[in-house]
Amino acid sequence: MKTSGGEISLNAVLVNKRRFNWQLGFNIAKYTSIITKLPTGPIYTDFADGVSDQY
């Protein structure tokens, strides 16, 4: 699997008084994942009926 992308974050303190603070934050991200290879043989799991016993 190959993953690429990035993230940008912007934070600002708009008001910083003794009894009042106002902060603003913004975050944006973009990631892309590409499957580059799949297994060729059989895939074995711990359960046969499709239901896990872990509750």
N, C-alpha and C. Protein backbone atom coordinates (compact mmCIF):
# COMPACT_ATOMS: atom_id res chain seq x y z
N MET A 1 0.84 -1.16 0.00
CA MET A 1 0.00 0.00 0.00
C MET A 1 0.89 1.23 0.00
N LYS A 2 0.48 2.23 -0.76
CA LYS A 2 1.20 3.49 -0.83
C LYS A 2 0.25 4.61 -0.41
N THR A 3 0.68 5.42 0.54
CA THR A 3 -0.14 6.53 1.04
C THR A 3 0.64 7.83 0.87
N SER A 4 -0.05 8.83 0.37
CA SER A 4 0.56 10.15 0.25
C SER A 4 -0.47 11.21 0.59
N GLY A 5 0.01 12.38 0.96
CA GLY A 5 -0.91 13.46 1.29
C GLY A 5 -0.27 14.45 2.22
N GLY A 6 -1.13 15.29 2.80
CA GLY A 6 -0.62 16.32 3.69
C GLY A 6 -1.72 16.91 4.55
N GLU A 7 -1.29 17.75 5.46
CA GLU A 7 -2.22 18.37 6.42
C GLU A 7 -1.72 19.78 6.73
N ILE A 8 -2.66 20.71 6.82
CA ILE A 8 -2.34 22.10 7.17
C ILE A 8 -3.21 22.50 8.36
N SER A 9 -2.58 23.14 9.32
CA SER A 9 -3.29 23.61 10.51
C SER A 9 -2.98 25.08 10.72
N LEU A 10 -4.01 25.86 11.04
CA LEU A 10 -3.86 27.29 11.30
C LEU A 10 -4.57 27.61 12.60
N ASN A 11 -3.86 28.22 13.53
CA ASN A 11 -4.42 28.60 14.83
C ASN A 11 -4.12 30.07 15.10
N ALA A 12 -5.07 30.76 15.71
CA ALA A 12 -4.89 32.17 16.02
C ALA A 12 -5.57 32.50 17.34
N VAL A 13 -4.96 33.40 18.09
CA VAL A 13 -5.56 33.95 19.30
C VAL A 13 -6.14 35.31 18.92
N LEU A 14 -7.48 35.40 18.87
CA LEU A 14 -8.13 36.62 18.44
C LEU A 14 -8.23 37.65 19.56
N VAL A 15 -8.57 37.19 20.77
CA VAL A 15 -8.68 38.07 21.93
C VAL A 15 -8.00 37.36 23.10
N ASN A 16 -7.14 38.10 23.78
CA ASN A 16 -6.44 37.52 24.94
C ASN A 16 -6.47 38.54 26.07
N LYS A 17 -7.58 38.59 26.77
CA LYS A 17 -7.74 39.50 27.91
C LYS A 17 -7.60 38.71 29.21
N ARG A 18 -7.61 39.41 30.31
CA ARG A 18 -7.42 38.76 31.61
C ARG A 18 -8.55 37.79 31.92
N ARG A 19 -9.79 38.13 31.59
CA ARG A 19 -10.93 37.28 31.93
C ARG A 19 -11.62 36.69 30.71
N PHE A 20 -11.05 36.90 29.51
CA PHE A 20 -11.70 36.42 28.29
C PHE A 20 -10.64 36.08 27.24
N ASN A 21 -10.71 34.87 26.72
CA ASN A 21 -9.83 34.42 25.64
C ASN A 21 -10.69 33.90 24.50
N TRP A 22 -10.30 34.25 23.29
CA TRP A 22 -11.01 33.77 22.10
C TRP A 22 -9.97 33.25 21.12
N GLN A 23 -10.02 31.93 20.87
CA GLN A 23 -9.07 31.29 19.97
C GLN A 23 -9.81 30.67 18.81
N LEU A 24 -9.16 30.67 17.66
CA LEU A 24 -9.75 30.12 16.45
C LEU A 24 -8.77 29.14 15.84
N GLY A 25 -9.28 27.97 15.42
CA GLY A 25 -8.43 26.96 14.80
C GLY A 25 -9.07 26.39 13.56
N PHE A 26 -8.24 26.06 12.57
CA PHE A 26 -8.70 25.49 11.31
C PHE A 26 -7.72 24.40 10.90
N ASN A 27 -8.25 23.28 10.41
CA ASN A 27 -7.43 22.16 10.01
C ASN A 27 -8.01 21.55 8.74
N ILE A 28 -7.15 21.24 7.78
CA ILE A 28 -7.59 20.58 6.56
C ILE A 28 -6.55 19.51 6.19
N ALA A 29 -7.05 18.38 5.70
CA ALA A 29 -6.15 17.28 5.35
C ALA A 29 -6.64 16.60 4.08
N LYS A 30 -5.68 16.08 3.30
CA LYS A 30 -5.99 15.33 2.09
C LYS A 30 -4.99 14.19 1.99
N TYR A 31 -5.49 12.97 2.00
CA TYR A 31 -4.66 11.79 1.89
C TYR A 31 -5.22 10.87 0.83
N THR A 32 -4.34 10.18 0.12
CA THR A 32 -4.72 9.21 -0.89
C THR A 32 -3.96 7.92 -0.63
N SER A 33 -4.67 6.80 -0.63
CA SER A 33 -4.04 5.49 -0.45
C SER A 33 -4.30 4.64 -1.69
N ILE A 34 -3.25 3.96 -2.15
CA ILE A 34 -3.36 3.09 -3.32
C ILE A 34 -2.85 1.71 -2.92
N ILE A 35 -3.65 0.69 -3.23
CA ILE A 35 -3.23 -0.70 -3.00
C ILE A 35 -2.33 -1.09 -4.16
N THR A 36 -1.08 -1.42 -3.85
CA THR A 36 -0.11 -1.73 -4.90
C THR A 36 0.05 -3.23 -5.13
N LYS A 37 -0.33 -4.06 -4.15
CA LYS A 37 -0.17 -5.50 -4.30
C LYS A 37 -1.18 -6.22 -3.42
N LEU A 38 -1.79 -7.25 -3.95
CA LEU A 38 -2.71 -8.09 -3.19
C LEU A 38 -2.10 -9.47 -3.01
N PRO A 39 -2.44 -10.18 -1.93
CA PRO A 39 -1.91 -11.53 -1.75
C PRO A 39 -2.44 -12.46 -2.84
N THR A 40 -1.59 -13.40 -3.26
CA THR A 40 -1.99 -14.32 -4.33
C THR A 40 -2.49 -15.65 -3.79
N GLY A 41 -2.11 -16.01 -2.59
CA GLY A 41 -2.51 -17.28 -2.01
C GLY A 41 -3.79 -17.15 -1.20
N PRO A 42 -4.22 -18.24 -0.57
CA PRO A 42 -5.42 -18.19 0.26
C PRO A 42 -5.19 -17.33 1.51
N ILE A 43 -6.28 -16.75 2.00
CA ILE A 43 -6.25 -15.93 3.21
C ILE A 43 -6.95 -16.71 4.32
N TYR A 44 -6.23 -17.01 5.40
CA TYR A 44 -6.78 -17.78 6.50
C TYR A 44 -7.14 -16.84 7.64
N THR A 45 -8.29 -17.10 8.28
CA THR A 45 -8.74 -16.31 9.42
C THR A 45 -8.93 -17.22 10.63
N ASP A 46 -9.18 -16.62 11.80
CA ASP A 46 -9.37 -17.38 13.03
C ASP A 46 -10.78 -17.93 13.17
N PHE A 47 -11.68 -17.56 12.32
CA PHE A 47 -13.06 -18.03 12.42
C PHE A 47 -13.53 -18.48 11.04
N ALA A 48 -14.42 -19.48 11.02
CA ALA A 48 -14.85 -20.07 9.76
C ALA A 48 -16.25 -19.62 9.35
N ASP A 49 -17.09 -19.20 10.30
CA ASP A 49 -18.47 -18.88 9.96
C ASP A 49 -18.72 -17.40 9.72
N GLY A 50 -17.68 -16.56 9.78
CA GLY A 50 -17.85 -15.14 9.53
C GLY A 50 -18.26 -14.34 10.75
N VAL A 51 -18.39 -15.00 11.92
CA VAL A 51 -18.78 -14.30 13.13
C VAL A 51 -17.68 -14.50 14.17
N SER A 52 -17.21 -13.42 14.74
CA SER A 52 -16.16 -13.50 15.75
C SER A 52 -16.80 -13.74 17.12
N ASP A 53 -16.11 -14.48 17.97
CA ASP A 53 -16.59 -14.76 19.32
C ASP A 53 -16.13 -13.70 20.32
N GLN A 54 -15.49 -12.67 19.89
CA GLN A 54 -14.99 -11.63 20.80
C GLN A 54 -16.04 -10.55 20.97
N TYR A 55 -16.71 -10.52 22.12
CA TYR A 55 -17.72 -9.50 22.40
C TYR A 55 -17.36 -8.82 23.68
